[in-house]
Amino acid sequence: MTSKQRAYLKSLAMKMDPILQLGKSSVTPENTASIDEALAARELIKINVLQNCLDDPKQMAEMIAERTHSQVVQVIGRKIVLYREGKDDKKRIVLPK
């Protein structure tokens, strides 16, 4: 992913609300499955890491991205933004070249 594409996805993510929250149980198989489903439906998602989660959000983002075959767009504070290209052409986010 180029820096231009990453910047475009960041701009889209700025307007989004987090659709998932990760708490003290951190990254579980159930969380990973729901993140995978959300990526299949939306391509770009934002995740909120709650205060009671003691794990590092950057490490969590890398682990989730590896398990869901997605890319980490950004991690700011306790917010994680992930992207995975979808299969449906009608819903696909068109990235700049």
PDB file of N, CA and C in Angstrom:
ATOM      1  N   MET A   1       0.850  -1.169   0.000  1.00  0.00           N
ATOM      2  CA  MET A   1       0.000   0.000   0.000  1.00  0.00           C
ATOM      3  C   MET A   1       0.902   1.241   0.000  1.00  0.00           C
ATOM      4  N   THR A   2       0.625   2.155  -0.907  1.00  0.00           N
ATOM      5  CA  THR A   2       1.435   3.362  -1.003  1.00  0.00           C
ATOM      6  C   THR A   2       1.006   4.366   0.062  1.00  0.00           C
ATOM      7  N   SER A   3       1.828   5.369   0.275  1.00  0.00           N
ATOM      8  CA  SER A   3       1.507   6.390   1.272  1.00  0.00           C
ATOM      9  C   SER A   3       0.287   7.208   0.852  1.00  0.00           C
ATOM     10  N   LYS A   4       0.112   7.377  -0.449  1.00  0.00           N
ATOM     11  CA  LYS A   4      -1.053   8.101  -0.960  1.00  0.00           C
ATOM     12  C   LYS A   4      -2.343   7.317  -0.665  1.00  0.00           C
ATOM     13  N   GLN A   5      -2.298   6.011  -0.871  1.00  0.00           N
ATOM     14  CA  GLN A   5      -3.453   5.169  -0.586  1.00  0.00           C
ATOM     15  C   GLN A   5      -3.758   5.149   0.910  1.00  0.00           C
ATOM     16  N   ARG A   6      -2.702   5.060   1.718  1.00  0.00           N
ATOM     17  CA  ARG A   6      -2.870   5.059   3.170  1.00  0.00           C
ATOM     18  C   ARG A   6      -3.486   6.381   3.634  1.00  0.00           C
ATOM     19  N   ALA A   7      -3.045   7.491   3.076  1.00  0.00           N
ATOM     20  CA  ALA A   7      -3.591   8.804   3.433  1.00  0.00           C
ATOM     21  C   ALA A   7      -5.062   8.898   3.054  1.00  0.00           C
ATOM     22  N   TYR A   8      -5.425   8.347   1.903  1.00  0.00           N
ATOM     23  CA  TYR A   8      -6.820   8.358   1.467  1.00  0.00           C
ATOM     24  C   TYR A   8      -7.692   7.545   2.428  1.00  0.00           C
ATOM     25  N   LEU A   9      -7.211   6.361   2.828  1.00  0.00           N
ATOM     26  CA  LEU A   9      -7.964   5.525   3.757  1.00  0.00           C
ATOM     27  C   LEU A   9      -8.074   6.189   5.131  1.00  0.00           C
ATOM     28  N   LYS A  10      -7.012   6.880   5.550  1.00  0.00           N
ATOM     29  CA  LYS A  10      -7.065   7.610   6.822  1.00  0.00           C
ATOM     30  C   LYS A  10      -8.126   8.691   6.778  1.00  0.00           C
ATOM     31  N   SER A  11      -8.237   9.380   5.638  1.00  0.00           N
ATOM     32  CA  SER A  11      -9.243  10.435   5.518  1.00  0.00           C
ATOM     33  C   SER A  11     -10.653   9.862   5.569  1.00  0.00           C
ATOM     34  N   LEU A  12     -10.855   8.685   4.994  1.00  0.00           N
ATOM     35  CA  LEU A  12     -12.158   8.033   5.070  1.00  0.00           C
ATOM     36  C   LEU A  12     -12.463   7.585   6.500  1.00  0.00           C
ATOM     37  N   ALA A  13     -11.445   7.104   7.185  1.00  0.00           N
ATOM     38  CA  ALA A  13     -11.623   6.587   8.546  1.00  0.00           C
ATOM     39  C   ALA A  13     -11.901   7.690   9.557  1.00  0.00           C
ATOM     40  N   MET A  14     -11.469   8.911   9.255  1.00  0.00           N
ATOM     41  CA  MET A  14     -11.695  10.026  10.184  1.00  0.00           C
ATOM     42  C   MET A  14     -13.185  10.232  10.455  1.00  0.00           C
ATOM     43  N   LYS A  15     -14.014   9.988   9.467  1.00  0.00           N
ATOM     44  CA  LYS A  15     -15.450  10.232   9.577  1.00  0.00           C
ATOM     45  C   LYS A  15     -16.209   9.041  10.155  1.00  0.00           C
ATOM     46  N   MET A  16     -15.523   7.933  10.339  1.00  0.00           N
ATOM     47  CA  MET A  16     -16.179   6.701  10.797  1.00  0.00           C
ATOM     48  C   MET A  16     -16.230   6.624  12.319  1.00  0.00           C
ATOM     49  N   ASP A  17     -17.246   5.930  12.815  1.00  0.00           N
ATOM     50  CA  ASP A  17     -17.311   5.583  14.227  1.00  0.00           C
ATOM     51  C   ASP A  17     -16.772   4.166  14.383  1.00  0.00           C
ATOM     52  N   PRO A  18     -16.160   3.849  15.539  1.00  0.00           N
ATOM     53  CA  PRO A  18     -15.700   2.472  15.762  1.00  0.00           C
ATOM     54  C   PRO A  18     -16.887   1.504  15.765  1.00  0.00           C
ATOM     55  N   ILE A  19     -16.732   0.372  15.107  1.00  0.00           N
ATOM     56  CA  ILE A  19     -17.822  -0.595  15.060  1.00  0.00           C
ATOM     57  C   ILE A  19     -17.588  -1.755  16.023  1.00  0.00           C
ATOM     58  N   LEU A  20     -16.372  -1.888  16.543  1.00  0.00           N
ATOM     59  CA  LEU A  20     -16.056  -2.949  17.491  1.00  0.00           C
ATOM     60  C   LEU A  20     -15.255  -2.380  18.655  1.00  0.00           C
ATOM     61  N   GLN A  21     -15.379  -3.038  19.807  1.00  0.00           N
ATOM     62  CA  GLN A  21     -14.599  -2.655  20.974  1.00  0.00           C
ATOM     63  C   GLN A  21     -13.888  -3.887  21.504  1.00  0.00           C
ATOM     64  N   LEU A  22     -12.619  -3.709  21.853  1.00  0.00           N
ATOM     65  CA  LEU A  22     -11.851  -4.794  22.457  1.00  0.00           C
ATOM     66  C   LEU A  22     -11.581  -4.428  23.910  1.00  0.00           C
ATOM     67  N   GLY A  23     -11.926  -5.333  24.818  1.00  0.00           N
ATOM     68  CA  GLY A  23     -11.781  -5.065  26.247  1.00  0.00           C
ATOM     69  C   GLY A  23     -10.674  -5.876  26.878  1.00  0.00           C
ATOM     70  N   LYS A  24     -10.868  -6.212  28.155  1.00  0.00           N
ATOM     71  CA  LYS A  24      -9.802  -6.860  28.914  1.00  0.00           C
ATOM     72  C   LYS A  24      -9.478  -8.265  28.433  1.00  0.00           C
ATOM     73  N   SER A  25     -10.396  -8.899  27.699  1.00  0.00           N
ATOM     74  CA  SER A  25     -10.093 -10.232  27.166  1.00  0.00           C
ATOM     75  C   SER A  25      -9.192 -10.143  25.943  1.00  0.00           C
ATOM     76  N   SER A  26      -8.917  -8.932  25.465  1.00  0.00           N
ATOM     77  CA  SER A  26      -8.020  -8.664  24.354  1.00  0.00           C
ATOM     78  C   SER A  26      -8.511  -9.317  23.067  1.00  0.00           C
ATOM     79  N   VAL A  27      -7.624  -9.963  22.324  1.00  0.00           N
ATOM     80  CA  VAL A  27      -7.977 -10.547  21.031  1.00  0.00           C
ATOM     81  C   VAL A  27      -8.294 -12.033  21.227  1.00  0.00           C
ATOM     82  N   THR A  28      -9.569 -12.370  21.108  1.00  0.00           N
ATOM     83  CA  THR A  28     -10.021 -13.756  21.234  1.00  0.00           C
ATOM     84  C   THR A  28     -10.394 -14.276  19.848  1.00  0.00           C
ATOM     85  N   PRO A  29     -10.546 -15.573  19.694  1.00  0.00           N
ATOM     86  CA  PRO A  29     -10.995 -16.102  18.397  1.00  0.00           C
ATOM     87  C   PRO A  29     -12.358 -15.544  17.975  1.00  0.00           C
ATOM     88  N   GLU A  30     -13.225 -15.287  18.944  1.00  0.00           N
ATOM     89  CA  GLU A  30     -14.537 -14.722  18.635  1.00  0.00           C
ATOM     90  C   GLU A  30     -14.393 -13.301  18.094  1.00  0.00           C
ATOM     91  N   ASN A  31     -13.517 -12.498  18.736  1.00  0.00           N
ATOM     92  CA  ASN A  31     -13.259 -11.138  18.258  1.00  0.00           C
ATOM     93  C   ASN A  31     -12.682 -11.164  16.844  1.00  0.00           C
ATOM     94  N   THR A  32     -11.752 -12.072  16.624  1.00  0.00           N
ATOM     95  CA  THR A  32     -11.120 -12.178  15.308  1.00  0.00           C
ATOM     96  C   THR A  32     -12.154 -12.539  14.246  1.00  0.00           C
ATOM     97  N   ALA A  33     -13.070 -13.435  14.580  1.00  0.00           N
ATOM     98  CA  ALA A  33     -14.113 -13.830  13.629  1.00  0.00           C
ATOM     99  C   ALA A  33     -15.035 -12.656  13.317  1.00  0.00           C
ATOM    100  N   SER A  34     -15.409 -11.877  14.326  1.00  0.00           N
ATOM    101  CA  SER A  34     -16.300 -10.742  14.072  1.00  0.00           C
ATOM    102  C   SER A  34     -15.584  -9.648  13.279  1.00  0.00           C
ATOM    103  N   ILE A  35     -14.291  -9.467  13.513  1.00  0.00           N
ATOM    104  CA  ILE A  35     -13.509  -8.496  12.737  1.00  0.00           C
ATOM    105  C   ILE A  35     -13.417  -8.959  11.286  1.00  0.00           C
ATOM    106  N   ASP A  36     -13.225 -10.250  11.086  1.00  0.00           N
ATOM    107  CA  ASP A  36     -13.144 -10.809   9.736  1.00  0.00           C
ATOM    108  C   ASP A  36     -14.459 -10.595   8.983  1.00  0.00           C
ATOM    109  N   GLU A  37     -15.589 -10.810   9.656  1.00  0.00           N
ATOM    110  CA  GLU A  37     -16.899 -10.592   9.039  1.00  0.00           C
ATOM    111  C   GLU A  37     -17.108  -9.119   8.700  1.00  0.00           C
ATOM    112  N   ALA A  38     -16.694  -8.239   9.613  1.00  0.00           N
ATOM    113  CA  ALA A  38     -16.851  -6.799   9.382  1.00  0.00           C
ATOM    114  C   ALA A  38     -16.002  -6.347   8.194  1.00  0.00           C
ATOM    115  N   LEU A  39     -14.794  -6.880   8.068  1.00  0.00           N
ATOM    116  CA  LEU A  39     -13.938  -6.532   6.933  1.00  0.00           C
ATOM    117  C   LEU A  39     -14.536  -7.035   5.622  1.00  0.00           C
ATOM    118  N   ALA A  40     -15.164  -8.191   5.662  1.00  0.00           N
ATOM    119  CA  ALA A  40     -15.795  -8.728   4.455  1.00  0.00           C
ATOM    120  C   ALA A  40     -16.963  -7.842   4.025  1.00  0.00           C
ATOM    121  N   ALA A  41     -17.658  -7.274   4.991  1.00  0.00           N
ATOM    122  CA  ALA A  41     -18.824  -6.455   4.674  1.00  0.00           C
ATOM    123  C   ALA A  41     -18.458  -5.016   4.320  1.00  0.00           C
ATOM    124  N   ARG A  42     -17.396  -4.463   4.932  1.00  0.00           N
ATOM    125  CA  ARG A  42     -17.144  -3.028   4.809  1.00  0.00           C
ATOM    126  C   ARG A  42     -15.807  -2.636   4.192  1.00  0.00           C
ATOM    127  N   GLU A  43     -14.827  -3.500   4.182  1.00  0.00           N
ATOM    128  CA  GLU A  43     -13.466  -3.231   3.706  1.00  0.00           C
ATOM    129  C   GLU A  43     -12.638  -2.394   4.682  1.00  0.00           C
ATOM    130  N   LEU A  44     -13.201  -1.304   5.202  1.00  0.00           N
ATOM    131  CA  LEU A  44     -12.472  -0.393   6.092  1.00  0.00           C
ATOM    132  C   LEU A  44     -13.229  -0.313   7.412  1.00  0.00           C
ATOM    133  N   ILE A  45     -12.548  -0.671   8.516  1.00  0.00           N
ATOM    134  CA  ILE A  45     -13.221  -0.637   9.815  1.00  0.00           C
ATOM    135  C   ILE A  45     -12.349   0.063  10.848  1.00  0.00           C
ATOM    136  N   LYS A  46     -13.007   0.576  11.869  1.00  0.00           N
ATOM    137  CA  LYS A  46     -12.320   1.216  12.985  1.00  0.00           C
ATOM    138  C   LYS A  46     -12.687   0.450  14.247  1.00  0.00           C
ATOM    139  N   ILE A  47     -11.678   0.157  15.070  1.00  0.00           N
ATOM    140  CA  ILE A  47     -11.849  -0.603  16.303  1.00  0.00           C
ATOM    141  C   ILE A  47     -11.384   0.252  17.467  1.00  0.00           C
ATOM    142  N   ASN A  48     -12.147   0.223  18.549  1.00  0.00           N
ATOM    143  CA  ASN A  48     -11.800   0.951  19.760  1.00  0.00           C
ATOM    144  C   ASN A  48     -11.254  -0.040  20.785  1.00  0.00           C
ATOM    145  N   VAL A  49     -10.092   0.256  21.373  1.00  0.00           N
ATOM    146  CA  VAL A  49      -9.514  -0.559  22.432  1.00  0.00           C
ATOM    147  C   VAL A  49      -9.849   0.129  23.757  1.00  0.00           C
ATOM    148  N   LEU A  50     -10.578  -0.564  24.612  1.00  0.00           N
ATOM    149  CA  LEU A  50     -11.023   0.029  25.865  1.00  0.00           C
ATOM    150  C   LEU A  50      -9.871   0.212  26.862  1.00  0.00           C
ATOM    151  N   GLN A  51     -10.096   1.058  27.852  1.00  0.00           N
ATOM    152  CA  GLN A  51      -9.061   1.368  28.846  1.00  0.00           C
ATOM    153  C   GLN A  51      -8.675   0.149  29.685  1.00  0.00           C
ATOM    154  N   ASN A  52      -9.613  -0.775  29.901  1.00  0.00           N
ATOM    155  CA  ASN A  52      -9.310  -1.937  30.743  1.00  0.00           C
ATOM    156  C   ASN A  52      -8.490  -3.008  30.026  1.00  0.00           C
ATOM    157  N   CYS A  53      -8.174  -2.800  28.763  1.00  0.00           N
ATOM    158  CA  CYS A  53      -7.311  -3.718  28.010  1.00  0.00           C
ATOM    159  C   CYS A  53      -5.862  -3.298  28.238  1.00  0.00           C
ATOM    160  N   LEU A  54      -5.061  -4.211  28.765  1.00  0.00           N
ATOM    161  CA  LEU A  54      -3.685  -3.880  29.131  1.00  0.00           C
ATOM    162  C   LEU A  54      -2.689  -4.088  27.998  1.00  0.00           C
ATOM    163  N   ASP A  55      -3.127  -4.701  26.898  1.00  0.00           N
ATOM    164  CA  ASP A  55      -2.219  -4.958  25.773  1.00  0.00           C
ATOM    165  C   ASP A  55      -1.962  -3.680  24.977  1.00  0.00           C
ATOM    166  N   ASP A  56      -0.837  -3.662  24.271  1.00  0.00           N
ATOM    167  CA  ASP A  56      -0.475  -2.532  23.430  1.00  0.00           C
ATOM    168  C   ASP A  56      -1.319  -2.545  22.148  1.00  0.00           C
ATOM    169  N   PRO A  57      -2.030  -1.440  21.842  1.00  0.00           N
ATOM    170  CA  PRO A  57      -2.876  -1.413  20.639  1.00  0.00           C
ATOM    171  C   PRO A  57      -2.118  -1.677  19.338  1.00  0.00           C
ATOM    172  N   LYS A  58      -0.858  -1.245  19.249  1.00  0.00           N
ATOM    173  CA  LYS A  58      -0.089  -1.482  18.016  1.00  0.00           C
ATOM    174  C   LYS A  58       0.181  -2.968  17.815  1.00  0.00           C
ATOM    175  N   GLN A  59       0.538  -3.663  18.891  1.00  0.00           N
ATOM    176  CA  GLN A  59       0.772  -5.103  18.791  1.00  0.00           C
ATOM    177  C   GLN A  59      -0.526  -5.844  18.489  1.00  0.00           C
ATOM    178  N   MET A  60      -1.623  -5.385  19.092  1.00  0.00           N
ATOM    179  CA  MET A  60      -2.922  -5.998  18.830  1.00  0.00           C
ATOM    180  C   MET A  60      -3.309  -5.814  17.361  1.00  0.00           C
ATOM    181  N   ALA A  61      -3.063  -4.622  16.816  1.00  0.00           N
ATOM    182  CA  ALA A  61      -3.388  -4.340  15.423  1.00  0.00           C
ATOM    183  C   ALA A  61      -2.615  -5.270  14.490  1.00  0.00           C
ATOM    184  N   GLU A  62      -1.337  -5.451  14.757  1.00  0.00           N
ATOM    185  CA  GLU A  62      -0.522  -6.342  13.920  1.00  0.00           C
ATOM    186  C   GLU A  62      -1.022  -7.781  13.998  1.00  0.00           C
ATOM    187  N   MET A  63      -1.380  -8.225  15.200  1.00  0.00           N
ATOM    188  CA  MET A  63      -1.866  -9.594  15.380  1.00  0.00           C
ATOM    189  C   MET A  63      -3.202  -9.790  14.654  1.00  0.00           C
ATOM    190  N   ILE A  64      -4.103  -8.827  14.775  1.00  0.00           N
ATOM    191  CA  ILE A  64      -5.406  -8.925  14.107  1.00  0.00           C
ATOM    192  C   ILE A  64      -5.227  -8.906  12.596  1.00  0.00           C
ATOM    193  N   ALA A  65      -4.355  -8.024  12.106  1.00  0.00           N
ATOM    194  CA  ALA A  65      -4.117  -7.925  10.667  1.00  0.00           C
ATOM    195  C   ALA A  65      -3.560  -9.240  10.115  1.00  0.00           C
ATOM    196  N   GLU A  66      -2.677  -9.861  10.864  1.00  0.00           N
ATOM    197  CA  GLU A  66      -2.101 -11.129  10.432  1.00  0.00           C
ATOM    198  C   GLU A  66      -3.169 -12.218  10.391  1.00  0.00           C
ATOM    199  N   ARG A  67      -4.025 -12.256  11.401  1.00  0.00           N
ATOM    200  CA  ARG A  67      -5.057 -13.302  11.474  1.00  0.00           C
ATOM    201  C   ARG A  67      -6.173 -13.109  10.458  1.00  0.00           C
ATOM    202  N   THR A  68      -6.472 -11.869  10.106  1.00  0.00           N
ATOM    203  CA  THR A  68      -7.581 -11.605   9.182  1.00  0.00           C
ATOM    204  C   THR A  68      -7.104 -11.310   7.763  1.00  0.00           C
ATOM    205  N   HIS A  69      -5.809 -11.377   7.521  1.00  0.00           N
ATOM    206  CA  HIS A  69      -5.212 -11.092   6.215  1.00  0.00           C
ATOM    207  C   HIS A  69      -5.586  -9.688   5.738  1.00  0.00           C
ATOM    208  N   SER A  70      -5.494  -8.723   6.650  1.00  0.00           N
ATOM    209  CA  SER A  70      -5.799  -7.331   6.327  1.00  0.00           C
ATOM    210  C   SER A  70      -4.556  -6.480   6.535  1.00  0.00           C
ATOM    211  N   GLN A  71      -4.702  -5.177   6.350  1.00  0.00           N
ATOM    212  CA  GLN A  71      -3.588  -4.255   6.526  1.00  0.00           C
ATOM    213  C   GLN A  71      -3.946  -3.216   7.577  1.00  0.00           C
ATOM    214  N   VAL A  72      -2.967  -2.869   8.392  1.00  0.00           N
ATOM    215  CA  VAL A  72      -3.167  -1.820   9.380  1.00  0.00           C
ATOM    216  C   VAL A  72      -2.988  -0.483   8.674  1.00  0.00           C
ATOM    217  N   VAL A  73      -4.030   0.333   8.673  1.00  0.00           N
ATOM    218  CA  VAL A  73      -3.948   1.660   8.073  1.00  0.00           C
ATOM    219  C   VAL A  73      -3.300   2.606   9.066  1.00  0.00           C
ATOM    220  N   GLN A  74      -3.792   2.599  10.316  1.00  0.00           N
ATOM    221  CA  GLN A  74      -3.197   3.433  11.338  1.00  0.00           C
ATOM    222  C   GLN A  74      -3.645   2.990  12.719  1.00  0.00           C
ATOM    223  N   VAL A  75      -2.830   3.342  13.705  1.00  0.00           N
ATOM    224  CA  VAL A  75      -3.172   3.170  15.112  1.00  0.00           C
ATOM    225  C   VAL A  75      -2.900   4.505  15.773  1.00  0.00           C
ATOM    226  N   ILE A  76      -3.965   5.127  16.273  1.00  0.00           N
ATOM    227  CA  ILE A  76      -3.815   6.398  16.980  1.00  0.00           C
ATOM    228  C   ILE A  76      -4.399   6.209  18.372  1.00  0.00           C
ATOM    229  N   GLY A  77      -3.563   6.312  19.370  1.00  0.00           N
ATOM    230  CA  GLY A  77      -4.030   6.123  20.736  1.00  0.00           C
ATOM    231  C   GLY A  77      -4.595   4.730  20.903  1.00  0.00           C
ATOM    232  N   ARG A  78      -5.885   4.655  21.162  1.00  0.00           N
ATOM    233  CA  ARG A  78      -6.565   3.374  21.344  1.00  0.00           C
ATOM    234  C   ARG A  78      -7.539   3.067  20.211  1.00  0.00           C
ATOM    235  N   LYS A  79      -7.303   3.657  19.053  1.00  0.00           N
ATOM    236  CA  LYS A  79      -8.131   3.405  17.867  1.00  0.00           C
ATOM    237  C   LYS A  79      -7.286   2.691  16.812  1.00  0.00           C
ATOM    238  N   ILE A  80      -7.851   1.639  16.247  1.00  0.00           N
ATOM    239  CA  ILE A  80      -7.173   0.852  15.212  1.00  0.00           C
ATOM    240  C   ILE A  80      -8.021   0.937  13.939  1.00  0.00           C
ATOM    241  N   VAL A  81      -7.383   1.205  12.812  1.00  0.00           N
ATOM    242  CA  VAL A  81      -8.078   1.221  11.522  1.00  0.00           C
ATOM    243  C   VAL A  81      -7.464   0.129  10.647  1.00  0.00           C
ATOM    244  N   LEU A  82      -8.329  -0.764  10.152  1.00  0.00           N
ATOM    245  CA  LEU A  82      -7.898  -1.875   9.316  1.00  0.00           C
ATOM    246  C   LEU A  82      -8.567  -1.811   7.950  1.00  0.00           C
ATOM    247  N   TYR A  83      -7.857  -2.319   6.939  1.00  0.00           N
ATOM    248  CA  TYR A  83      -8.385  -2.350   5.571  1.00  0.00           C
ATOM    249  C   TYR A  83      -8.088  -3.711   4.948  1.00  0.00           C
ATOM    250  N   ARG A  84      -9.093  -4.244   4.265  1.00  0.00           N
ATOM    251  CA  ARG A  84      -8.889  -5.442   3.447  1.00  0.00           C
ATOM    252  C   ARG A  84      -9.743  -5.284   2.201  1.00  0.00           C
ATOM    253  N   GLU A  85      -9.125  -5.462   1.053  1.00  0.00           N
ATOM    254  CA  GLU A  85      -9.838  -5.295  -0.217  1.00  0.00           C
ATOM    255  C   GLU A  85     -10.953  -6.326  -0.321  1.00  0.00           C
ATOM    256  N   GLY A  86     -12.125  -5.849  -0.710  1.00  0.00           N
ATOM    257  CA  GLY A  86     -13.291  -6.722  -0.809  1.00  0.00           C
ATOM    258  C   GLY A  86     -13.386  -7.404  -2.159  1.00  0.00           C
ATOM    259  N   LYS A  87     -14.278  -8.359  -2.232  1.00  0.00           N
ATOM    260  CA  LYS A  87     -14.459  -9.106  -3.462  1.00  0.00           C
ATOM    261  C   LYS A  87     -15.592  -8.539  -4.326  1.00  0.00           C
ATOM    262  N   ASP A  88     -16.513  -7.794  -3.717  1.00  0.00           N
ATOM    263  CA  ASP A  88     -17.666  -7.234  -4.426  1.00  0.00           C
ATOM    264  C   ASP A  88     -17.275  -5.911  -5.082  1.00  0.00           C
ATOM    265  N   ASP A  89     -17.369  -5.835  -6.402  1.00  0.00           N
ATOM    266  CA  ASP A  89     -16.959  -4.632  -7.136  1.00  0.00           C
ATOM    267  C   ASP A  89     -17.853  -3.435  -6.840  1.00  0.00           C
ATOM    268  N   LYS A  90     -19.116  -3.657  -6.514  1.00  0.00           N
ATOM    269  CA  LYS A  90     -20.038  -2.550  -6.275  1.00  0.00           C
ATOM    270  C   LYS A  90     -19.713  -1.777  -5.006  1.00  0.00           C
ATOM    271  N   LYS A  91     -19.224  -2.478  -3.983  1.00  0.00           N
ATOM    272  CA  LYS A  91     -18.936  -1.841  -2.697  1.00  0.00           C
ATOM    273  C   LYS A  91     -17.469  -1.452  -2.534  1.00  0.00           C
ATOM    274  N   ARG A  92     -16.639  -1.788  -3.469  1.00  0.00           N
ATOM    275  CA  ARG A  92     -15.196  -1.628  -3.332  1.00  0.00           C
ATOM    276  C   ARG A  92     -14.789  -0.163  -3.208  1.00  0.00           C
ATOM    277  N   ILE A  93     -13.857   0.106  -2.326  1.00  0.00           N
ATOM    278  CA  ILE A  93     -13.274   1.442  -2.182  1.00  0.00           C
ATOM    279  C   ILE A  93     -12.218   1.578  -3.267  1.00  0.00           C
ATOM    280  N   VAL A  94     -12.318   2.605  -4.075  1.00  0.00           N
ATOM    281  CA  VAL A  94     -11.361   2.814  -5.161  1.00  0.00           C
ATOM    282  C   VAL A  94     -10.192   3.627  -4.606  1.00  0.00           C
ATOM    283  N   LEU A  95      -9.037   2.994  -4.547  1.00  0.00           N
ATOM    284  CA  LEU A  95      -7.846   3.647  -4.036  1.00  0.00           C
ATOM    285  C   LEU A  95      -7.124   4.407  -5.128  1.00  0.00           C
ATOM    286  N   PRO A  96      -6.536   5.575  -4.792  1.00  0.00           N
ATOM    287  CA  PRO A  96      -5.734   6.288  -5.793  1.00  0.00           C
ATOM    288  C   PRO A  96      -4.481   5.507  -6.139  1.00  0.00           C
ATOM    289  N   LYS A  97      -3.957   5.716  -7.315  1.00  0.00           N
ATOM    290  CA  LYS A  97      -2.764   4.992  -7.764  1.00  0.00           C
ATOM    291  C   LYS A  97      -1.501   5.572  -7.171  1.00  0.00           C
TER     292      LYS A  97
END
